[in-house]
Amino acid sequence: MRIAKNAITYEYDGDKLWKEHRSNGTIEYLYGLDGIIGFKYGEDYYFYQKNLQGDVIEVINRSGITVANYSYDAWGNHKVYNASWVENTSADFIGNINPIRYRGYYFDTETKLYYLETRYYDPETGRFIRPADVSSLNPSSINGLNLYSYANNNPISIAYSSSGAGGSSSGVMVNSLALGGIITPIIGTLNQSFCWPNLDFLGTGFGYIENSFSMVAGVIDGVRKIKHLNKLAGLDKASNWLMGIGIGINVGLSFYNNLTNSNLTGSQKAGNIVGDIVYIAASSAATWGISALTAMIPVVGPFIAPIVGFGFGTAFDQFWHGENIFGIDGFSLNPGGKSIDKWIKDFLTELFGG
């Protein structure tokens, strides 16, 4: 375990990192049943929101207000944003002060490396800077012969921990900062070392699918209003099925992601699920409506409707979640430092008992 680095010193409670003393203040880490859940800095408390792969994607304060956001690629390269999704590189910004990030690893801001208790990992090269012990060699896999490789060159599907080059493992710097255990199948048990990507990623993908289905359904219903095309067999059923499938997939994912998240209280789970349903209904209806109206434009309508509908659905999703619409800096809505999605879910959580 590391006990000091330059002007920083560390205190431990057993194998858990407890406090980190810096020149500008002390970080005291907070733990729950599933490992690290947040930290205290000065007199303020902050808590992590994680995705299913353990990445810290959001930091909220004790009032439930988002103060920092993170985005990652598969290897852990990332950016730090403020509550409005504007990148912030200031050293005294709480999002940069917090070192717990990708997979729950400890990020060293000076070296830009992740510290995994026994080795440093470089996300830019996807390699450790020193080799693993030879006992972790796996001759059955070509990737298993590379002692510098991270997660056998498959970081989406394999959970790495510090005791091996990838695969069987347990324990890291801050208790379960890494995803412990062996290669984890999220859906079903497969004979090969395979795992579905995290369901937050799937949720994003299915979100686009739902927008696409709503868009196509809208185009179909718009086309049905055009003379001579209103009697095309099966169009009404196709529209209904597409809407139903898109909505059903996303509602199901919301139930799964929230009910299996042990970091949430019962009220938070209920608030999040109902909030997701509100969003899914609003997004589907709005995307369907815009697509249908565009498809009714004479001559060009059916051709431009898919582009207009999908573009609107994407913009609506970004608007609802407080993101920069089409990536334009500052083109977002976060009243009071919270997105519409956050406002609705916080209100519903309070309504269901806090």
Protein backbone atom coordinates (compact mmCIF):
# COMPACT_ATOMS: atom_id res chain seq x y z
CA MET A 1 0.00 0.00 0.00
CA ARG A 2 1.17 3.50 -0.79
CA ILE A 3 1.55 5.66 2.33
CA ALA A 4 2.96 8.86 0.81
CA LYS A 5 3.54 10.59 -2.53
CA ASN A 6 5.22 13.98 -2.67
CA ALA A 7 3.26 16.20 -0.24
CA ILE A 8 0.34 13.73 0.03
CA THR A 9 0.08 11.18 2.86
CA TYR A 10 -2.43 8.36 3.22
CA GLU A 11 -4.12 6.69 6.18
CA TYR A 12 -5.71 3.25 6.05
CA ASP A 13 -8.30 1.32 8.01
CA GLY A 14 -7.18 -2.23 7.35
CA ASP A 15 -6.97 -2.49 3.56
CA LYS A 16 -9.26 0.49 2.99
CA LEU A 17 -7.95 3.93 2.18
CA TRP A 18 -9.43 6.12 4.91
CA LYS A 19 -7.89 9.57 4.63
CA GLU A 20 -5.74 11.45 2.17
CA HIS A 21 -3.95 14.51 3.50
CA ARG A 22 -3.08 17.14 0.91
CA SER A 23 -1.61 20.62 1.19
CA ASN A 24 -4.98 22.15 0.33
CA GLY A 25 -7.16 19.91 2.51
CA THR A 26 -8.02 16.38 3.62
CA ILE A 27 -10.18 13.85 1.80
CA GLU A 28 -11.96 11.36 4.04
CA TYR A 29 -13.43 8.44 2.10
CA LEU A 30 -16.90 7.07 2.87
CA TYR A 31 -17.88 3.41 2.57
CA GLY A 32 -21.09 1.43 2.29
CA LEU A 33 -21.90 -2.24 1.88
CA ASP A 34 -20.66 -2.20 -1.71
CA GLY A 35 -17.42 -0.36 -1.09
CA ILE A 36 -16.60 3.30 -1.52
CA ILE A 37 -19.63 5.57 -1.92
CA GLY A 38 -18.20 9.08 -1.60
CA PHE A 39 -15.94 11.35 0.38
CA LYS A 40 -15.79 14.28 2.77
CA TYR A 41 -13.71 17.28 1.74
CA GLY A 42 -13.49 20.16 4.19
CA GLU A 43 -16.93 20.38 5.77
CA ASP A 44 -18.78 19.13 2.68
CA TYR A 45 -19.90 15.60 1.82
CA TYR A 46 -19.96 14.26 -1.74
CA PHE A 47 -21.36 11.03 -3.12
CA TYR A 48 -20.69 8.96 -6.23
CA GLN A 49 -23.08 7.88 -8.94
CA LYS A 50 -21.61 4.87 -10.76
CA ASN A 51 -22.53 2.87 -13.81
CA LEU A 52 -22.65 -0.93 -13.74
CA GLN A 53 -18.95 -1.22 -14.56
CA GLY A 54 -18.04 0.82 -11.51
CA ASP A 55 -17.07 4.03 -13.31
CA VAL A 56 -17.78 7.16 -11.27
CA ILE A 57 -19.91 9.13 -13.72
CA GLU A 58 -21.26 11.81 -11.41
CA VAL A 59 -20.49 13.48 -8.08
CA ILE A 60 -23.41 14.92 -6.10
CA ASN A 61 -23.42 16.94 -2.90
CA ARG A 62 -25.43 16.19 0.24
CA SER A 63 -28.40 18.10 -1.23
CA GLY A 64 -28.50 15.77 -4.20
CA ILE A 65 -27.24 18.44 -6.62
CA THR A 66 -24.80 17.36 -9.30
CA VAL A 67 -21.45 19.14 -8.95
CA ALA A 68 -19.29 17.16 -11.40
CA ASN A 69 -19.65 14.75 -14.33
CA TYR A 70 -17.22 12.37 -16.04
CA SER A 71 -17.12 10.73 -19.45
CA TYR A 72 -14.89 7.76 -20.32
CA ASP A 73 -13.81 5.67 -23.25
CA ALA A 74 -13.39 1.90 -22.88
CA TRP A 75 -9.80 2.20 -21.63
CA GLY A 76 -10.33 4.88 -19.00
CA ASN A 77 -9.33 8.03 -20.87
CA HIS A 78 -11.72 10.62 -19.58
CA LYS A 79 -12.77 14.21 -19.21
CA VAL A 80 -14.10 16.10 -16.21
CA TYR A 81 -17.12 18.40 -16.54
CA ASN A 82 -19.06 20.73 -14.29
CA ALA A 83 -22.78 20.30 -13.62
CA SER A 84 -23.61 21.88 -16.99
CA TRP A 85 -21.33 19.49 -18.88
CA VAL A 86 -18.71 22.14 -19.58
CA GLU A 87 -15.20 20.71 -19.31
CA ASN A 88 -13.35 21.93 -16.21
CA THR A 89 -9.59 21.44 -15.81
CA SER A 90 -9.11 23.64 -12.73
CA ALA A 91 -7.12 21.86 -9.99
CA ASP A 92 -9.39 23.22 -7.26
CA PHE A 93 -12.61 22.01 -8.94
CA ILE A 94 -14.18 19.24 -6.88
CA GLY A 95 -14.41 16.97 -9.92
CA ASN A 96 -10.62 17.13 -10.28
CA ILE A 97 -9.97 16.92 -6.54
CA ASN A 98 -11.85 13.61 -6.43
CA PRO A 99 -9.39 10.88 -7.54
CA ILE A 100 -11.82 7.93 -7.74
CA ARG A 101 -12.89 7.56 -11.35
CA TYR A 102 -12.71 4.84 -14.05
CA ARG A 103 -13.78 1.43 -12.66
CA GLY A 104 -13.42 3.02 -9.23
CA TYR A 105 -9.64 3.17 -9.65
CA TYR A 106 -7.54 5.88 -8.06
CA PHE A 107 -6.45 8.43 -10.70
CA ASP A 108 -3.12 10.19 -10.20
CA THR A 109 -3.60 13.65 -11.73
CA GLU A 110 0.15 14.31 -11.94
CA THR A 111 1.12 11.23 -13.92
CA LYS A 112 -2.29 10.68 -15.59
CA LEU A 113 -2.05 7.04 -14.48
CA TYR A 114 -4.43 4.87 -12.47
CA TYR A 115 -3.04 3.36 -9.28
CA LEU A 116 -4.21 -0.24 -8.73
CA GLU A 117 -2.34 -0.93 -5.48
CA THR A 118 0.43 -2.99 -7.03
CA ARG A 119 0.87 -1.34 -10.42
CA TYR A 120 0.14 1.81 -12.38
CA TYR A 121 -2.09 1.61 -15.45
CA ASP A 122 -1.77 4.00 -18.42
CA PRO A 123 -5.17 4.45 -20.14
CA GLU A 124 -3.59 6.18 -23.14
CA THR A 125 -1.62 3.08 -24.12
CA GLY A 126 -3.97 0.55 -22.49
CA ARG A 127 -0.98 -0.98 -20.69
CA PHE A 128 0.51 -1.24 -17.23
CA ILE A 129 3.89 0.44 -16.83
CA ARG A 130 5.43 -2.66 -15.26
CA PRO A 131 4.65 -6.34 -15.86
CA ALA A 132 2.44 -8.61 -13.81
CA ASP A 133 3.81 -11.59 -11.94
CA VAL A 134 4.57 -14.54 -14.24
CA SER A 135 2.03 -16.60 -12.32
CA SER A 136 -0.69 -14.67 -14.15
CA LEU A 137 0.40 -15.94 -17.58
CA ASN A 138 -2.36 -17.64 -19.56
CA PRO A 139 -0.80 -19.64 -22.43
CA SER A 140 -4.24 -20.57 -23.79
CA SER A 141 -4.75 -16.98 -24.95
CA ILE A 142 -2.36 -14.87 -27.01
CA ASN A 143 -3.33 -11.87 -24.88
CA GLY A 144 -2.60 -13.90 -21.77
CA LEU A 145 1.09 -13.95 -22.69
CA ASN A 146 1.44 -10.18 -22.40
CA LEU A 147 2.24 -9.28 -18.79
CA TYR A 148 1.72 -5.58 -19.51
CA SER A 149 -1.76 -5.93 -21.00
CA TYR A 150 -4.82 -4.56 -19.24
CA ALA A 151 -7.88 -6.86 -18.98
CA ASN A 152 -6.52 -9.09 -21.76
CA ASN A 153 -7.04 -6.19 -24.19
CA ASN A 154 -10.80 -6.43 -23.65
CA PRO A 155 -11.75 -3.82 -21.03
CA ILE A 156 -15.45 -3.82 -21.89
CA SER A 157 -15.97 -7.51 -21.24
CA ILE A 158 -13.35 -8.31 -18.59
CA ALA A 159 -13.20 -7.05 -15.02
CA TYR A 160 -9.60 -6.47 -14.00
CA SER A 161 -8.31 -6.47 -10.45
CA SER A 162 -4.82 -5.88 -9.12
CA SER A 163 -3.87 -9.46 -8.34
CA GLY A 164 -3.64 -10.60 -11.97
CA ALA A 165 -3.29 -9.49 -15.55
CA GLY A 166 -6.99 -9.96 -16.10
CA GLY A 167 -9.60 -12.46 -14.95
CA SER A 168 -9.56 -13.98 -11.46
CA SER A 169 -8.87 -11.34 -8.83
CA SER A 170 -9.96 -9.53 -5.71
CA GLY A 171 -9.27 -6.34 -3.79
CA VAL A 172 -7.59 -3.08 -4.76
CA MET A 173 -6.54 0.18 -3.19
CA VAL A 174 -9.89 1.35 -1.87
CA ASN A 175 -11.53 -1.96 -0.96
CA SER A 176 -13.47 -2.76 -4.12
CA LEU A 177 -12.19 0.05 -6.28
CA ALA A 178 -11.83 -2.41 -9.12
CA LEU A 179 -14.48 -4.87 -10.17
CA GLY A 180 -13.43 -7.92 -8.20
CA GLY A 181 -14.07 -11.52 -9.13
CA ILE A 182 -13.59 -13.35 -12.39
CA ILE A 183 -14.78 -12.46 -15.87
CA THR A 184 -18.40 -11.71 -15.15
CA PRO A 185 -21.26 -12.72 -17.44
CA ILE A 186 -23.97 -10.12 -16.97
CA ILE A 187 -26.60 -12.03 -18.89
CA GLY A 188 -26.57 -15.80 -18.62
CA THR A 189 -23.69 -18.16 -17.98
CA LEU A 190 -21.58 -18.81 -21.06
CA ASN A 191 -18.91 -21.43 -21.52
CA GLN A 192 -16.39 -18.91 -22.86
CA SER A 193 -14.92 -15.91 -21.06
CA PHE A 194 -17.48 -13.48 -22.42
CA CYS A 195 -19.52 -10.76 -20.85
CA TRP A 196 -22.09 -8.34 -22.16
CA PRO A 197 -21.11 -4.67 -22.17
CA ASN A 198 -22.40 -2.77 -19.17
CA LEU A 199 -26.12 -2.15 -19.25
CA ASP A 200 -25.73 1.62 -18.99
CA PHE A 201 -24.10 1.45 -22.41
CA LEU A 202 -26.90 -0.81 -23.62
CA GLY A 203 -29.42 1.61 -22.14
CA THR A 204 -27.91 4.41 -24.21
CA GLY A 205 -27.95 2.20 -27.30
CA PHE A 206 -31.53 1.13 -26.72
CA GLY A 207 -32.41 4.78 -26.11
CA TYR A 208 -31.35 5.49 -29.69
CA ILE A 209 -33.24 2.41 -30.83
CA GLU A 210 -36.37 3.66 -29.07
CA ASN A 211 -35.94 7.07 -30.75
CA SER A 212 -35.46 5.31 -34.07
CA PHE A 213 -38.56 3.15 -33.59
CA SER A 214 -40.62 6.19 -32.58
CA MET A 215 -39.29 8.07 -35.59
CA VAL A 216 -40.15 5.23 -38.01
CA ALA A 217 -43.58 4.82 -36.44
CA GLY A 218 -44.19 8.54 -36.88
CA VAL A 219 -43.09 8.44 -40.50
CA ILE A 220 -45.42 5.51 -41.12
CA ASP A 221 -48.37 7.29 -39.53
CA GLY A 222 -47.54 10.45 -41.45
CA VAL A 223 -47.40 8.54 -44.72
CA ARG A 224 -50.78 6.97 -43.93
CA LYS A 225 -52.29 10.45 -44.03
CA ILE A 226 -51.12 10.95 -47.60
CA LYS A 227 -53.74 10.33 -50.27
CA HIS A 228 -53.53 6.92 -51.95
CA LEU A 229 -51.12 5.64 -49.28
CA ASN A 230 -53.57 5.54 -46.39
CA LYS A 231 -54.73 2.03 -47.15
CA LEU A 232 -51.37 0.28 -47.32
CA ALA A 233 -51.89 -2.99 -45.49
CA GLY A 234 -50.28 -3.46 -42.13
CA LEU A 235 -48.88 0.04 -41.65
CA ASP A 236 -51.00 0.74 -38.58
CA LYS A 237 -49.91 -2.52 -36.91
CA ALA A 238 -46.26 -1.92 -37.82
CA SER A 239 -46.41 1.52 -36.22
CA ASN A 240 -47.92 0.22 -33.01
CA TRP A 241 -45.46 -2.66 -32.75
CA LEU A 242 -42.45 -0.42 -33.28
CA MET A 243 -43.56 2.03 -30.61
CA GLY A 244 -44.33 -0.81 -28.20
CA ILE A 245 -40.98 -2.56 -28.68
CA GLY A 246 -38.93 0.61 -28.27
CA ILE A 247 -40.78 1.67 -25.13
CA GLY A 248 -40.80 -1.84 -23.67
CA ILE A 249 -37.03 -2.29 -24.01
CA ASN A 250 -36.27 0.98 -22.24
CA VAL A 251 -38.80 0.52 -19.44
CA GLY A 252 -37.40 -2.96 -18.83
CA LEU A 253 -33.83 -1.62 -18.66
CA SER A 254 -34.90 1.07 -16.22
CA PHE A 255 -36.44 -1.51 -13.90
CA TYR A 256 -33.35 -3.71 -14.10
CA ASN A 257 -30.77 -0.95 -13.61
CA ASN A 258 -32.59 0.62 -10.67
CA LEU A 259 -33.79 -2.49 -8.85
CA THR A 260 -30.33 -4.06 -8.95
CA ASN A 261 -28.53 -0.89 -7.78
CA SER A 262 -27.83 -1.49 -4.08
CA ASN A 263 -26.63 2.11 -3.65
CA LEU A 264 -30.20 3.40 -4.03
CA THR A 265 -32.92 3.49 -1.39
CA GLY A 266 -36.38 2.16 -2.14
CA SER A 267 -37.69 5.69 -2.65
CA GLN A 268 -34.84 6.52 -5.04
CA LYS A 269 -35.47 3.35 -7.06
CA ALA A 270 -39.18 4.17 -7.34
CA GLY A 271 -38.47 7.81 -8.20
CA ASN A 272 -35.92 6.87 -10.85
CA ILE A 273 -38.16 4.26 -12.48
CA VAL A 274 -41.20 6.52 -12.64
CA GLY A 275 -38.97 9.38 -13.82
CA ASP A 276 -37.58 7.18 -16.59
CA ILE A 277 -41.09 6.20 -17.64
CA VAL A 278 -42.07 9.89 -17.82
CA TYR A 279 -39.05 10.58 -20.00
CA ILE A 280 -39.61 7.55 -22.24
CA ALA A 281 -43.27 8.48 -22.76
CA ALA A 282 -42.45 12.14 -23.48
CA SER A 283 -39.55 11.30 -25.79
CA SER A 284 -41.48 8.66 -27.74
CA ALA A 285 -44.55 10.85 -28.15
CA ALA A 286 -42.57 13.94 -29.19
CA THR A 287 -40.34 12.05 -31.65
CA TRP A 288 -43.36 10.24 -33.11
CA GLY A 289 -45.29 13.51 -33.50
CA ILE A 290 -42.47 15.44 -35.18
CA SER A 291 -41.77 12.54 -37.54
CA ALA A 292 -45.45 12.14 -38.45
CA LEU A 293 -45.94 15.86 -39.13
CA THR A 294 -42.77 16.04 -41.24
CA ALA A 295 -43.78 12.99 -43.28
CA MET A 296 -47.00 14.77 -44.27
CA ILE A 297 -45.11 17.56 -46.04
CA PRO A 298 -45.87 17.23 -49.76
CA VAL A 299 -43.32 15.42 -51.93
CA VAL A 300 -40.22 15.66 -49.70
CA GLY A 301 -41.89 14.83 -46.35
CA PRO A 302 -41.42 11.03 -46.32
CA PHE A 303 -37.76 11.43 -47.33
CA ILE A 304 -36.68 14.05 -44.79
CA ALA A 305 -38.87 12.80 -41.94
CA PRO A 306 -36.38 10.11 -40.76
CA ILE A 307 -33.59 12.69 -40.50
CA VAL A 308 -35.76 15.29 -38.80
CA GLY A 309 -37.32 12.73 -36.44
CA PHE A 310 -34.08 11.12 -35.34
CA GLY A 311 -32.35 14.48 -34.97
CA PHE A 312 -35.22 15.78 -32.86
CA GLY A 313 -35.23 12.63 -30.71
CA THR A 314 -31.49 12.98 -30.06
CA ALA A 315 -31.82 16.68 -29.20
CA PHE A 316 -34.77 15.96 -26.91
CA ASP A 317 -32.74 13.33 -25.03
CA GLN A 318 -29.81 15.72 -24.55
CA PHE A 319 -32.15 18.58 -23.54
CA TRP A 320 -33.93 16.39 -20.97
CA HIS A 321 -30.69 15.17 -19.39
CA GLY A 322 -29.01 18.59 -19.30
CA GLU A 323 -26.35 17.76 -21.88
CA ASN A 324 -25.00 20.11 -24.53
CA ILE A 325 -27.42 19.72 -27.44
CA PHE A 326 -25.53 18.41 -30.49
CA GLY A 327 -22.32 19.00 -28.52
CA ILE A 328 -22.64 22.81 -28.61
CA ASP A 329 -21.03 24.25 -25.47
CA GLY A 330 -23.53 26.07 -23.26
CA PHE A 331 -26.50 24.97 -25.38
CA SER A 332 -28.17 23.08 -22.54
CA LEU A 333 -30.75 23.49 -19.80
CA ASN A 334 -29.84 22.89 -16.15
CA PRO A 335 -32.06 25.12 -13.97
CA GLY A 336 -30.64 25.36 -10.47
CA GLY A 337 -27.71 23.16 -11.46
CA LYS A 338 -29.92 20.15 -12.23
CA SER A 339 -31.30 18.68 -15.44
CA ILE A 340 -35.02 18.22 -16.04
CA ASP A 341 -34.47 14.50 -15.51
CA LYS A 342 -32.83 15.15 -12.13
CA TRP A 343 -35.53 17.59 -11.01
CA ILE A 344 -38.30 15.10 -11.81
CA LYS A 345 -36.55 12.15 -10.16
CA ASP A 346 -35.68 14.13 -7.03
CA PHE A 347 -39.30 15.32 -6.77
CA LEU A 348 -40.62 11.78 -7.18
CA THR A 349 -38.11 10.41 -4.67
CA GLU A 350 -39.37 12.93 -2.09
CA LEU A 351 -42.94 12.08 -3.02
CA PHE A 352 -42.28 8.38 -2.39
CA GLY A 353 -40.83 9.06 1.04
CA GLY A 354 -37.36 10.49 0.47
